Amino acid sequence: MDPIIIAIIAGVVALIVGFVIGKLVSKANVDKQLAEAKIIEEKAKALEETAKAEAELIKKSALNTAESLKKDKMMEAKEFFLKQKEEHNKEIEQRNRKMLEAENRAKQIEQSLKDKLTSANKQEKETEALKTRLNEQIDLATVKRTELEKAHEVHIAKLEQVAQLSAEEAKAQLVEQLKGKAQSDAMAHVKMVMDEAKLKATKEAKKIVIQSIQRTAAETAIENTVSVFNLSSDEQKGQIIGREGRNIRALEAATGVEIIVDDTPEAIIISGYDAYKREIARLSLQRLVADGRIHPARIEEVVAKTEKQLEGQIMEIGERTVIDLGVHGLHPELIRLVGKMRFRSSYGQNLLQHSREVANLCAIMASELGLNSKIAKRAGLLHDIGKVSDEDPELSHALLGAKLCEKYGEAPVIINAVGAHHDEMEMLYVVSPIIQACDAISGARPGARREIMESYMKRIDELEKLAVSYQGVQKAYAIQAGRELRVLVEAEKIDDKQVEEISFKIAQQIQDEMTYPGQIKVTVIRETRSVSVAK
C-alpha cells in the first residue's frame, strides 16, 4: 500500500481513538463534577435545614423575649398608672382639705362679721340714746348758765357798790397781785401734768419700742472708707503703677478713687468716700490683674465694662431686697435705687442695712399699734431713697425722697412718711411718726453710726452755751458723749421752784433748736455750801 494512505489511515484511526478517549475522559470528568455537585447540593440542603431550624429557634426566642418585654412594660405601665392615680388622689384630697379649710375660715369670718355688725348696731343705738341724753343735758345747762350769768351780774353790781371799785379795776389789781404766784404755780402744774402724761404714754411707748428693737436685733458694722486689694506677689505692684505711673493715674482718673501703693506686702489700698466707686475700682483691678494686660486704653475699657456689670448687680441687690422684705409693686427705678443703697453709708452705717432695719422695725411697731404693717414697711424701706439720687442736689434727702416717690407712683401716705421723717413736711398720717421713731432707733443703736468729730464737738459746745445763757446758771457740763447736760446754778439767786423751771425750759429749748440722736437728759443742781475756818 501507499505509505501516504497508510499514514492517513493511521492518523484517522489515531484521531478516532483520541476522540473516543477524549469522550471517555470528558464523561468521567462530567460524572465526577455531577457527583461533586450532588454532594454540594446535599450539603446545601443540610445547611438550609440547619438554618431553618436556627431561624425557627431565633424566632421562638424573639417571640419569648417580646412577650416578656410586653409583660414588663405592661407591669411598668400599670405601676406608673397606679402611682399617678395615687398622687392624683392625694392632690384631690389636699385640694378638698384646703377647700374645706377655706370654707370653714369663710364661715368663721362671716360669723365674725355678723357679730361685729350686731355689736355695731347695738353701739349705734346706745350712741343715739347717749346723744339724746346729752342734748337734754346741754339744753338744761344752757338754761342754768343763763340764770347763773344773771345772778353773777347782780353779784358783781353789789360788790362794786361795797368796794367802790369797778369790775375791771378790781380785776387788774387782783391779776397784778397773783401774777407772780400764778406763773410759778402754772409752771409747776404744767410740769406735773406733762410728767404724768409722759409717765402714762411713755410706759406703753417704751413697751412697743423695746419689743420692736428686741425682735430686730440686727448686727451693726461701721463702713470703712478704704478697701484692701490683695495681690499674689509684690511684682504686680509695678504692673499696676506702670511706666512713670501712667497706669495708676489712668485708673484713678477712670474710677475717681485714690490708689495707694506702699510697703504693705502683697496688697494695695483703694481709698475713697464713695463705696460705689471703690467697688468699681476693686473689680476693675481684679480683672486687669487676672488678664495681665494693664495699660491706659485697656484700663478705660475694663472700667466701662465693670460699671455695666455693677449696674446689673445693683438691680439684682434691689430685687433681692424687696423680695426678702415682701414689698411688691415698686417701680423698677426705685428698685435700682434700693440696690444702690448697698454702696452708700451714712455716718459709717450702711444705708441698705439701715433701711432694711427701719422697714422691719416699722412693720413690727405698726402691727403692735393695729396699723397697716405693709405700708409701714414700704415707707421704712424708702425713707432714705433721696440719699442715692442725683436729682435736685439742693433739696434735702427727705424732700427729694418724697419727690421721687411721687414721681414713681407711690401712695400719698408713703410720700408723706418719707418727706416728714426729719420734720421738713407736716405729718398727715399716723405712719409718719412711726418712720421717724424707727429711723432714730436704728441710728441710735450702740456702734451703729460713727459721728464726725467736728460736729460732735460743735454739739457739745452748743449744749453748754445754751445752758449758761440762762440767768443764775454758774456752770454747765455736757457729759456721757452729749447724752446728759449737768447744770450748776447759784443757790443765792435761784430757789428750788426755779430749778424745776430752768430744767424744763432748757430741755424745751434743746428739743426745739438742736438736732441730735436719741435723747438728752438735763440735770439742774442747786447746792448751798457753808465754809468756816477754825484757827
Protein backbone atom coordinates (compact mmCIF):
# COMPACT_ATOMS: atom_id res chain seq x y z
CA MET A 1 0.00 0.00 0.00
CA ASP A 2 0.89 3.51 -0.43
CA PRO A 3 2.63 4.80 2.65
CA ILE A 4 0.70 8.04 2.44
CA ILE A 5 -2.59 6.21 2.59
CA ILE A 6 -1.28 4.18 5.49
CA ALA A 7 -0.29 7.34 7.24
CA ILE A 8 -3.63 8.85 6.58
CA ILE A 9 -5.41 5.76 7.84
CA ALA A 10 -3.19 5.68 10.90
CA GLY A 11 -3.92 9.33 11.53
CA VAL A 12 -7.62 8.77 11.13
CA VAL A 13 -7.50 5.78 13.47
CA ALA A 14 -5.45 7.81 15.97
CA LEU A 15 -7.92 10.64 15.65
CA ILE A 16 -10.81 8.30 16.25
CA VAL A 17 -9.08 6.65 19.18
CA GLY A 18 -8.20 10.11 20.62
CA PHE A 19 -11.74 11.25 20.14
CA VAL A 20 -13.09 8.17 21.89
CA ILE A 21 -10.57 8.52 24.70
CA GLY A 22 -11.46 12.24 24.99
CA LYS A 23 -15.10 11.38 25.18
CA LEU A 24 -14.43 8.82 27.88
CA VAL A 25 -12.26 11.26 29.85
CA SER A 26 -14.82 14.03 29.41
CA LYS A 27 -17.57 11.71 30.57
CA ALA A 28 -15.54 10.74 33.62
CA ASN A 29 -14.99 14.41 34.46
CA VAL A 30 -18.66 15.16 33.95
CA ASP A 31 -19.60 12.26 36.21
CA LYS A 32 -17.13 13.44 38.81
CA GLN A 33 -18.50 17.02 38.64
CA LEU A 34 -22.05 15.72 38.84
CA ALA A 35 -21.11 13.71 41.90
CA GLU A 36 -19.45 16.74 43.48
CA ALA A 37 -22.45 18.91 42.57
CA LYS A 38 -24.73 16.35 44.12
CA ILE A 39 -22.62 16.33 47.28
CA ILE A 40 -22.69 20.19 47.38
CA GLU A 41 -26.44 20.14 46.83
CA GLU A 42 -26.90 17.70 49.71
CA LYS A 43 -24.68 19.89 51.91
CA ALA A 44 -26.68 22.94 50.85
CA LYS A 45 -29.91 21.16 51.74
CA ALA A 46 -28.40 20.18 55.10
CA LEU A 47 -27.31 23.79 55.71
CA GLU A 48 -30.73 25.03 54.66
CA GLU A 49 -32.37 22.66 57.12
CA THR A 50 -29.94 23.79 59.82
CA ALA A 51 -30.61 27.46 59.00
CA LYS A 52 -34.35 26.88 59.06
CA ALA A 53 -34.02 25.17 62.44
CA GLU A 54 -31.86 28.06 63.81
CA ALA A 55 -34.24 30.62 62.34
CA GLU A 56 -37.11 28.86 63.99
CA LEU A 57 -35.26 28.88 67.30
CA ILE A 58 -34.38 32.58 66.91
CA LYS A 59 -37.98 33.33 66.02
CA LYS A 60 -39.24 31.47 69.08
CA SER A 61 -36.63 33.20 71.27
CA ALA A 62 -37.58 36.62 69.85
CA LEU A 63 -41.25 35.87 70.45
CA ASN A 64 -40.50 34.82 74.02
CA THR A 65 -38.36 37.97 74.59
CA ALA A 66 -41.03 40.19 73.06
CA GLU A 67 -43.68 38.57 75.23
CA SER A 68 -41.50 39.06 78.31
CA LEU A 69 -40.83 42.71 77.40
CA LYS A 70 -44.50 43.19 76.73
CA LYS A 71 -45.36 41.82 80.16
CA ASP A 72 -42.66 44.00 81.83
CA LYS A 73 -43.87 47.12 80.03
CA MET A 74 -47.43 46.31 80.94
CA MET A 75 -46.39 45.91 84.56
CA GLU A 76 -44.43 49.20 84.47
CA ALA A 77 -47.38 50.92 82.82
CA LYS A 78 -49.73 49.55 85.47
CA GLU A 79 -47.36 50.64 88.30
CA PHE A 80 -46.98 54.11 86.73
CA PHE A 81 -50.73 54.38 86.34
CA LEU A 82 -51.30 53.32 89.95
CA LYS A 83 -48.63 55.78 91.15
CA GLN A 84 -50.15 58.61 89.13
CA LYS A 85 -53.59 57.67 90.35
CA GLU A 86 -52.35 57.67 93.96
CA GLU A 87 -50.68 61.09 93.54
CA HIS A 88 -53.81 62.40 91.84
CA ASN A 89 -55.92 61.12 94.71
CA LYS A 90 -53.55 62.79 97.21
CA GLU A 91 -53.77 66.09 95.31
CA ILE A 92 -57.55 65.81 95.24
CA GLU A 93 -57.59 65.08 98.98
CA GLN A 94 -55.28 68.05 99.69
CA ARG A 95 -57.37 70.29 97.48
CA ASN A 96 -60.57 69.15 99.15
CA ARG A 97 -58.98 69.68 102.58
CA LYS A 98 -57.84 73.19 101.60
CA MET A 99 -61.27 73.97 100.18
CA LEU A 100 -62.84 72.73 103.40
CA GLU A 101 -60.44 74.83 105.49
CA ALA A 102 -61.13 77.86 103.30
CA GLU A 103 -64.85 77.25 103.63
CA ASN A 104 -64.52 76.99 107.43
CA ARG A 105 -62.47 80.21 107.52
CA ALA A 106 -65.05 81.92 105.35
CA LYS A 107 -67.81 80.76 107.70
CA GLN A 108 -65.82 82.00 110.71
CA ILE A 109 -65.22 85.36 109.00
CA GLU A 110 -68.90 85.56 108.08
CA GLN A 111 -69.90 84.80 111.68
CA SER A 112 -67.36 87.33 112.96
CA LEU A 113 -68.75 89.96 110.58
CA LYS A 114 -72.28 89.17 111.74
CA ASP A 115 -71.20 89.53 115.37
CA LYS A 116 -69.43 92.81 114.61
CA LEU A 117 -72.49 94.06 112.70
CA THR A 118 -74.73 93.16 115.65
CA SER A 119 -72.31 94.88 118.03
CA ALA A 120 -72.16 97.93 115.75
CA ASN A 121 -75.96 98.16 115.61
CA LYS A 122 -76.09 97.88 119.39
CA GLN A 123 -73.43 100.57 119.78
CA GLU A 124 -75.27 102.78 117.30
CA LYS A 125 -78.46 102.51 119.36
CA GLU A 126 -76.55 103.24 122.56
CA THR A 127 -74.90 106.22 120.84
CA GLU A 128 -78.26 107.58 119.74
CA ALA A 129 -79.60 107.23 123.27
CA LEU A 130 -76.48 108.88 124.69
CA LYS A 131 -76.77 111.67 122.11
CA THR A 132 -80.39 112.29 123.16
CA ARG A 133 -79.40 112.44 126.83
CA LEU A 134 -76.51 114.78 126.05
CA ASN A 135 -78.79 117.12 124.08
CA GLU A 136 -81.17 117.22 127.03
CA GLN A 137 -78.29 117.94 129.41
CA ILE A 138 -76.94 120.65 127.08
CA ASP A 139 -80.35 122.34 126.99
CA LEU A 140 -80.56 122.17 130.79
CA ALA A 141 -77.00 123.50 131.14
CA THR A 142 -77.83 126.38 128.78
CA VAL A 143 -80.80 127.38 130.93
CA LYS A 144 -78.74 127.15 134.13
CA ARG A 145 -75.88 129.07 132.54
CA THR A 146 -78.26 131.91 131.62
CA GLU A 147 -79.58 132.01 135.19
CA LEU A 148 -76.03 131.91 136.56
CA GLU A 149 -74.91 134.79 134.34
CA LYS A 150 -77.84 136.91 135.56
CA ALA A 151 -77.02 136.09 139.21
CA HIS A 152 -73.34 136.80 138.53
CA GLU A 153 -74.16 140.24 137.10
CA VAL A 154 -76.28 141.06 140.17
CA HIS A 155 -73.48 139.84 142.47
CA ILE A 156 -70.84 141.94 140.66
CA ALA A 157 -73.04 145.02 140.88
CA LYS A 158 -73.38 144.54 144.66
CA LEU A 159 -69.60 144.01 145.03
CA GLU A 160 -68.89 147.21 143.09
CA GLN A 161 -71.21 149.14 145.41
CA VAL A 162 -69.49 147.73 148.52
CA ALA A 163 -65.85 148.06 147.28
CA GLN A 164 -66.42 151.32 145.41
CA LEU A 165 -64.35 149.78 142.52
CA SER A 166 -65.40 148.72 139.07
CA ALA A 167 -65.00 145.09 138.00
CA GLU A 168 -62.16 145.98 135.60
CA GLU A 169 -60.22 147.87 138.29
CA ALA A 170 -60.62 145.02 140.79
CA LYS A 171 -59.59 142.50 138.17
CA ALA A 172 -56.46 144.49 137.30
CA GLN A 173 -55.40 144.70 140.96
CA LEU A 174 -56.06 141.00 141.52
CA VAL A 175 -54.19 139.99 138.39
CA GLU A 176 -51.22 142.12 139.36
CA GLN A 177 -51.09 140.59 142.86
CA LEU A 178 -51.42 137.00 141.69
CA LYS A 179 -49.35 137.25 138.52
CA GLY A 180 -46.05 136.14 140.06
CA LYS A 181 -47.58 133.34 142.10
CA ALA A 182 -49.75 132.17 139.20
CA GLN A 183 -46.75 131.92 136.88
CA SER A 184 -44.83 129.66 139.27
CA ASP A 185 -47.92 127.60 140.08
CA ALA A 186 -48.79 127.30 136.39
CA MET A 187 -45.25 126.17 135.54
CA ALA A 188 -45.33 123.59 138.34
CA HIS A 189 -48.79 122.44 137.24
CA VAL A 190 -47.70 122.17 133.59
CA LYS A 191 -44.66 120.15 134.62
CA MET A 192 -46.78 117.88 136.82
CA VAL A 193 -49.33 117.31 134.04
CA MET A 194 -46.61 116.70 131.47
CA ASP A 195 -44.78 114.30 133.78
CA GLU A 196 -47.99 112.40 134.45
CA ALA A 197 -48.89 112.27 130.75
CA LYS A 198 -45.35 111.23 129.86
CA LEU A 199 -45.42 108.52 132.54
CA LYS A 200 -48.60 107.00 131.12
CA ALA A 201 -47.78 107.44 127.45
CA THR A 202 -44.12 106.51 127.80
CA LYS A 203 -44.94 103.24 129.55
CA GLU A 204 -46.83 101.88 126.54
CA ALA A 205 -44.49 103.55 124.06
CA LYS A 206 -41.43 102.01 125.72
CA LYS A 207 -43.08 98.61 125.70
CA ILE A 208 -43.76 98.81 121.96
CA VAL A 209 -40.32 100.24 121.17
CA ILE A 210 -38.49 97.65 123.27
CA GLN A 211 -40.44 94.80 121.69
CA SER A 212 -39.66 96.17 118.23
CA ILE A 213 -35.95 96.55 119.00
CA GLN A 214 -35.68 93.08 120.56
CA ARG A 215 -37.39 91.42 117.59
CA THR A 216 -34.99 93.06 115.13
CA ALA A 217 -31.68 92.76 116.96
CA ALA A 218 -29.60 93.45 113.85
CA GLU A 219 -25.83 93.41 113.88
CA THR A 220 -24.09 96.74 113.32
CA ALA A 221 -20.89 97.28 111.39
CA ILE A 222 -19.17 100.56 110.56
CA GLU A 223 -18.40 101.05 106.85
CA ASN A 224 -14.78 101.95 106.03
CA THR A 225 -13.54 104.49 103.51
CA VAL A 226 -10.78 102.18 102.22
CA SER A 227 -10.69 98.77 100.55
CA VAL A 228 -7.70 96.43 100.53
CA PHE A 229 -6.90 94.64 97.25
CA ASN A 230 -4.71 91.57 97.77
CA LEU A 231 -2.03 90.61 95.23
CA SER A 232 -0.38 87.27 94.60
CA SER A 233 3.07 88.88 94.59
CA ASP A 234 4.69 92.30 95.00
CA GLU A 235 5.83 92.20 91.36
CA GLN A 236 2.28 93.04 90.29
CA LYS A 237 2.58 96.44 92.00
CA GLY A 238 4.95 97.56 89.26
CA GLN A 239 2.49 96.49 86.55
CA ILE A 240 -0.31 98.41 88.26
CA ILE A 241 1.84 101.56 88.62
CA GLY A 242 3.10 101.36 85.01
CA ARG A 243 5.85 103.31 83.34
CA GLU A 244 6.21 106.67 85.12
CA GLY A 245 2.92 105.94 86.91
CA ARG A 246 0.69 106.19 83.81
CA ASN A 247 -1.36 103.07 84.63
CA ILE A 248 -2.22 104.13 88.18
CA ARG A 249 -3.06 107.67 87.02
CA ALA A 250 -5.36 106.29 84.32
CA LEU A 251 -7.08 104.03 86.85
CA GLU A 252 -7.57 106.89 89.34
CA ALA A 253 -8.93 109.16 86.59
CA ALA A 254 -11.37 106.48 85.32
CA THR A 255 -12.71 105.43 88.74
CA GLY A 256 -12.43 108.61 90.83
CA VAL A 257 -10.64 106.95 93.77
CA GLU A 258 -7.12 107.10 95.16
CA ILE A 259 -4.86 104.06 94.70
CA ILE A 260 -2.23 103.84 97.47
CA VAL A 261 0.75 101.58 96.76
CA ASP A 262 3.01 101.40 99.80
CA ASP A 263 5.25 98.88 101.58
CA THR A 264 2.33 96.68 102.65
CA PRO A 265 3.27 93.19 101.41
CA GLU A 266 1.12 91.80 98.59
CA ALA A 267 -1.62 94.43 98.98
CA ILE A 268 -2.62 97.87 97.73
CA ILE A 269 -5.21 100.23 99.24
CA ILE A 270 -8.18 101.75 97.41
CA SER A 271 -9.25 104.95 99.21
CA GLY A 272 -12.44 106.97 98.67
CA TYR A 273 -15.64 108.05 100.45
CA ASP A 274 -17.85 106.66 97.65
CA ALA A 275 -18.24 102.90 98.17
CA TYR A 276 -19.70 102.56 94.66
CA LYS A 277 -16.53 103.95 93.06
CA ARG A 278 -14.33 101.85 95.35
CA GLU A 279 -16.17 98.70 94.26
CA ILE A 280 -15.73 99.62 90.55
CA ALA A 281 -12.01 100.16 91.16
CA ARG A 282 -11.68 96.85 93.05
CA LEU A 283 -13.48 94.79 90.38
CA SER A 284 -11.56 96.53 87.59
CA LEU A 285 -8.23 95.78 89.29
CA GLN A 286 -9.31 92.18 89.75
CA ARG A 287 -9.99 91.84 86.02
CA LEU A 288 -6.82 93.64 84.97
CA VAL A 289 -4.56 91.57 87.24
CA ALA A 290 -6.20 88.32 86.11
CA ASP A 291 -5.82 89.30 82.44
CA GLY A 292 -2.26 90.62 82.78
CA ARG A 293 -2.70 93.32 80.11
CA ILE A 294 -2.51 96.61 82.01
CA HIS A 295 -2.27 99.84 80.02
CA PRO A 296 -4.37 103.05 79.89
CA ALA A 297 -6.58 102.02 76.95
CA ARG A 298 -7.26 98.61 78.49
CA ILE A 299 -7.97 100.23 81.87
CA GLU A 300 -10.68 102.50 80.39
CA GLU A 301 -12.26 99.55 78.57
CA VAL A 302 -12.30 97.35 81.70
CA VAL A 303 -13.71 100.14 83.91
CA ALA A 304 -16.55 100.75 81.42
CA LYS A 305 -17.41 97.02 81.37
CA THR A 306 -17.22 96.85 85.17
CA GLU A 307 -19.65 99.76 85.54
CA LYS A 308 -22.19 97.97 83.34
CA GLN A 309 -21.70 94.75 85.32
CA LEU A 310 -22.11 96.58 88.63
CA GLU A 311 -25.33 98.22 87.40
CA GLY A 312 -26.72 94.73 86.82
CA GLN A 313 -25.60 93.67 90.29
CA ILE A 314 -27.28 96.77 91.79
CA MET A 315 -30.58 95.79 90.15
CA GLU A 316 -30.22 92.22 91.48
CA ILE A 317 -29.50 93.54 95.01
CA GLY A 318 -32.60 95.76 94.84
CA GLU A 319 -34.83 92.93 93.58
CA ARG A 320 -33.49 90.53 96.23
CA THR A 321 -34.09 93.14 98.95
CA VAL A 322 -37.72 93.85 98.02
CA ILE A 323 -38.40 90.10 97.72
CA ASP A 324 -36.85 89.41 101.14
CA LEU A 325 -38.94 92.17 102.74
CA GLY A 326 -42.13 91.24 100.86
CA VAL A 327 -42.52 94.71 99.31
CA HIS A 328 -44.31 94.35 95.96
CA GLY A 329 -45.16 96.67 93.09
CA LEU A 330 -42.18 99.03 93.34
CA HIS A 331 -41.20 100.92 90.20
CA PRO A 332 -38.00 99.49 88.59
CA GLU A 333 -36.18 102.80 89.13
CA LEU A 334 -36.99 102.69 92.85
CA ILE A 335 -35.76 99.07 92.96
CA ARG A 336 -32.50 100.21 91.31
CA LEU A 337 -32.09 102.99 93.90
CA VAL A 338 -32.71 100.48 96.70
CA GLY A 339 -29.89 98.32 95.31
CA LYS A 340 -27.66 101.39 95.04
CA MET A 341 -28.05 101.90 98.82
CA ARG A 342 -25.71 98.92 99.26
CA PHE A 343 -22.82 101.19 98.20
CA ARG A 344 -23.72 104.21 100.35
CA SER A 345 -23.15 104.84 104.05
CA SER A 346 -24.38 107.48 106.49
CA TYR A 347 -22.13 108.28 109.48
CA GLY A 348 -20.44 104.93 108.78
CA GLN A 349 -23.74 102.97 108.83
CA ASN A 350 -24.53 101.08 105.61
CA LEU A 351 -27.61 102.71 104.09
CA LEU A 352 -29.20 99.49 102.77
CA GLN A 353 -28.76 97.70 106.09
CA HIS A 354 -30.17 100.78 107.89
CA SER A 355 -33.21 100.93 105.54
CA ARG A 356 -33.92 97.20 105.91
CA GLU A 357 -33.73 97.52 109.69
CA VAL A 358 -36.04 100.56 109.70
CA ALA A 359 -38.52 98.70 107.44
CA ASN A 360 -38.67 95.73 109.82
CA LEU A 361 -38.95 97.99 112.89
CA CYS A 362 -41.79 99.95 111.24
CA ALA A 363 -43.69 96.77 110.36
CA ILE A 364 -43.43 95.45 113.93
CA MET A 365 -44.36 98.77 115.53
CA ALA A 366 -47.30 99.29 113.15
CA SER A 367 -48.66 95.81 113.84
CA GLU A 368 -48.37 96.43 117.61
CA LEU A 369 -50.41 99.62 117.14
CA GLY A 370 -53.00 97.91 114.92
CA LEU A 371 -51.93 99.75 111.74
CA ASN A 372 -51.12 98.50 108.23
CA SER A 373 -47.69 96.87 108.61
CA LYS A 374 -47.12 96.53 104.83
CA ILE A 375 -47.47 100.28 104.25
CA ALA A 376 -45.18 100.99 107.23
CA LYS A 377 -42.55 98.52 105.95
CA ARG A 378 -42.69 100.05 102.44
CA ALA A 379 -42.26 103.59 103.81
CA GLY A 380 -39.42 102.44 106.09
CA LEU A 381 -37.54 100.92 103.14
CA LEU A 382 -37.91 104.07 101.03
CA HIS A 383 -37.41 106.72 103.74
CA ASP A 384 -33.75 107.44 102.76
CA ILE A 385 -34.14 106.85 99.00
CA GLY A 386 -33.26 110.52 98.37
CA LYS A 387 -29.67 109.92 99.54
CA VAL A 388 -28.81 107.84 96.44
CA SER A 389 -30.41 110.09 93.80
CA ASP A 390 -28.50 112.63 91.71
CA GLU A 391 -31.58 114.78 91.05
CA ASP A 392 -32.09 118.22 92.69
CA PRO A 393 -28.97 118.27 94.91
CA GLU A 394 -30.23 121.47 96.55
CA LEU A 395 -33.15 119.63 98.18
CA SER A 396 -32.72 117.68 101.43
CA HIS A 397 -32.75 113.90 101.10
CA ALA A 398 -36.17 113.64 102.79
CA LEU A 399 -37.89 116.07 100.41
CA LEU A 400 -36.04 114.57 97.43
CA GLY A 401 -37.17 111.09 98.51
CA ALA A 402 -40.79 112.30 98.70
CA LYS A 403 -40.44 113.80 95.21
CA LEU A 404 -39.08 110.51 93.83
CA CYS A 405 -41.90 108.51 95.46
CA GLU A 406 -44.47 110.87 93.97
CA LYS A 407 -42.78 110.65 90.55
CA TYR A 408 -42.88 106.84 90.52
CA GLY A 409 -46.49 106.44 91.64
CA GLU A 410 -46.28 105.76 95.38
CA ALA A 411 -49.32 106.35 97.61
CA PRO A 412 -49.75 109.71 99.42
CA VAL A 413 -49.17 108.04 102.82
CA ILE A 414 -45.74 106.80 101.62
CA ILE A 415 -44.84 110.21 100.17
CA ASN A 416 -45.75 111.99 103.40
CA ALA A 417 -43.90 109.48 105.61
CA VAL A 418 -40.71 109.78 103.53
CA GLY A 419 -40.82 113.59 103.35
CA ALA A 420 -41.72 114.16 107.01
CA HIS A 421 -39.26 111.86 108.78
CA HIS A 422 -36.99 114.87 109.53
CA ASP A 423 -39.91 117.29 110.23
CA GLU A 424 -39.49 119.04 106.86
CA MET A 425 -43.12 118.32 105.95
CA GLU A 426 -46.25 118.28 108.07
CA MET A 427 -47.13 114.76 109.27
CA LEU A 428 -50.55 113.93 107.84
CA TYR A 429 -50.73 110.20 108.60
CA VAL A 430 -50.16 108.03 111.68
CA VAL A 431 -47.43 106.09 109.85
CA SER A 432 -45.21 109.20 109.51
CA PRO A 433 -44.14 109.48 113.20
CA ILE A 434 -43.52 105.70 113.23
CA ILE A 435 -40.99 106.10 110.40
CA GLN A 436 -39.31 108.97 112.27
CA ALA A 437 -39.10 106.96 115.51
CA CYS A 438 -37.74 103.81 113.83
CA ASP A 439 -35.16 105.85 111.90
CA ALA A 440 -33.94 107.28 115.22
CA ILE A 441 -33.88 103.80 116.82
CA SER A 442 -31.77 102.35 114.02
CA GLY A 443 -29.34 105.27 114.02
CA ALA A 444 -29.04 105.38 117.81
CA ARG A 445 -28.07 101.72 118.31
CA PRO A 446 -24.69 101.48 120.10
CA GLY A 447 -22.00 101.25 117.44
CA ALA A 448 -24.40 101.80 114.53
CA ARG A 449 -23.03 105.17 113.46
CA ARG A 450 -19.73 106.97 113.54
CA GLU A 451 -20.16 110.68 114.20
CA ILE A 452 -17.75 113.19 112.74
CA MET A 453 -15.54 114.66 115.49
CA GLU A 454 -16.12 118.28 114.42
CA SER A 455 -19.91 118.02 114.53
CA TYR A 456 -19.72 116.16 117.85
CA MET A 457 -17.57 118.86 119.46
CA LYS A 458 -19.81 121.55 117.99
CA ARG A 459 -22.91 119.95 119.52
CA ILE A 460 -21.23 119.66 122.94
CA ASP A 461 -20.21 123.33 122.81
CA GLU A 462 -23.74 124.42 121.77
CA LEU A 463 -25.27 122.49 124.66
CA GLU A 464 -23.04 124.12 127.24
CA LYS A 465 -23.51 127.64 125.78
CA LEU A 466 -27.29 127.20 125.72
CA ALA A 467 -27.37 126.29 129.41
CA VAL A 468 -25.01 129.07 130.51
CA SER A 469 -27.18 131.68 128.72
CA TYR A 470 -29.86 131.35 131.44
CA GLN A 471 -29.74 133.81 134.34
CA GLY A 472 -28.45 132.27 137.57
CA VAL A 473 -26.57 129.41 135.86
CA GLN A 474 -23.00 129.19 137.10
CA LYS A 475 -21.53 126.32 135.05
CA ALA A 476 -22.72 123.68 132.59
CA TYR A 477 -21.08 120.39 131.57
CA ALA A 478 -22.07 118.06 128.72
CA ILE A 479 -21.23 114.50 129.83
CA GLN A 480 -21.78 110.93 128.62
CA ALA A 481 -20.92 111.82 125.00
CA GLY A 482 -23.50 114.61 124.99
CA ARG A 483 -26.34 112.42 126.26
CA GLU A 484 -26.61 114.34 129.58
CA LEU A 485 -26.29 118.01 130.47
CA ARG A 486 -25.32 118.90 134.07
CA VAL A 487 -26.21 122.48 135.02
CA LEU A 488 -24.92 124.11 138.25
CA VAL A 489 -26.90 127.15 139.45
CA GLU A 490 -26.13 129.79 142.09
CA ALA A 491 -28.02 128.93 145.28
CA GLU A 492 -28.33 132.61 146.30
CA LYS A 493 -30.13 133.62 143.09
CA ILE A 494 -32.19 130.52 142.25
CA ASP A 495 -34.67 128.78 144.57
CA ASP A 496 -35.98 125.19 144.35
CA LYS A 497 -39.04 126.06 142.25
CA GLN A 498 -36.91 127.98 139.78
CA VAL A 499 -34.63 124.93 139.46
CA GLU A 500 -37.52 122.92 138.03
CA GLU A 501 -38.45 125.82 135.76
CA ILE A 502 -34.90 126.16 134.40
CA SER A 503 -34.63 122.39 133.81
CA PHE A 504 -37.92 122.41 131.90
CA LYS A 505 -37.03 125.46 129.77
CA ILE A 506 -33.54 124.17 128.86
CA ALA A 507 -34.98 120.79 127.79
CA GLN A 508 -37.65 122.51 125.67
CA GLN A 509 -35.11 124.82 124.02
CA ILE A 510 -32.77 121.92 123.21
CA GLN A 511 -35.69 119.99 121.72
CA ASP A 512 -36.82 122.96 119.60
CA GLU A 513 -33.48 124.33 118.40
CA MET A 514 -30.97 121.46 118.18
CA THR A 515 -30.62 118.27 116.14
CA TYR A 516 -29.22 115.24 117.97
CA PRO A 517 -29.54 111.43 118.01
CA GLY A 518 -31.50 109.77 120.82
CA GLN A 519 -32.34 111.96 123.83
CA ILE A 520 -30.53 114.38 126.17
CA LYS A 521 -31.09 114.36 129.94
CA VAL A 522 -30.97 117.79 131.62
CA THR A 523 -29.98 117.76 135.31
CA VAL A 524 -30.01 121.08 137.23
CA ILE A 525 -28.09 121.05 140.55
CA ARG A 526 -28.56 123.63 143.31
CA GLU A 527 -26.48 123.26 146.44
CA THR A 528 -25.70 125.50 149.41
CA ARG A 529 -22.21 125.41 150.91
CA SER A 530 -21.20 126.90 154.23
CA VAL A 531 -17.45 127.14 154.83
CA SER A 532 -15.88 128.11 158.16
CA VAL A 533 -12.23 128.09 159.16
CA ALA A 534 -11.04 127.07 162.60
CA LYS A 535 -7.88 128.91 163.67
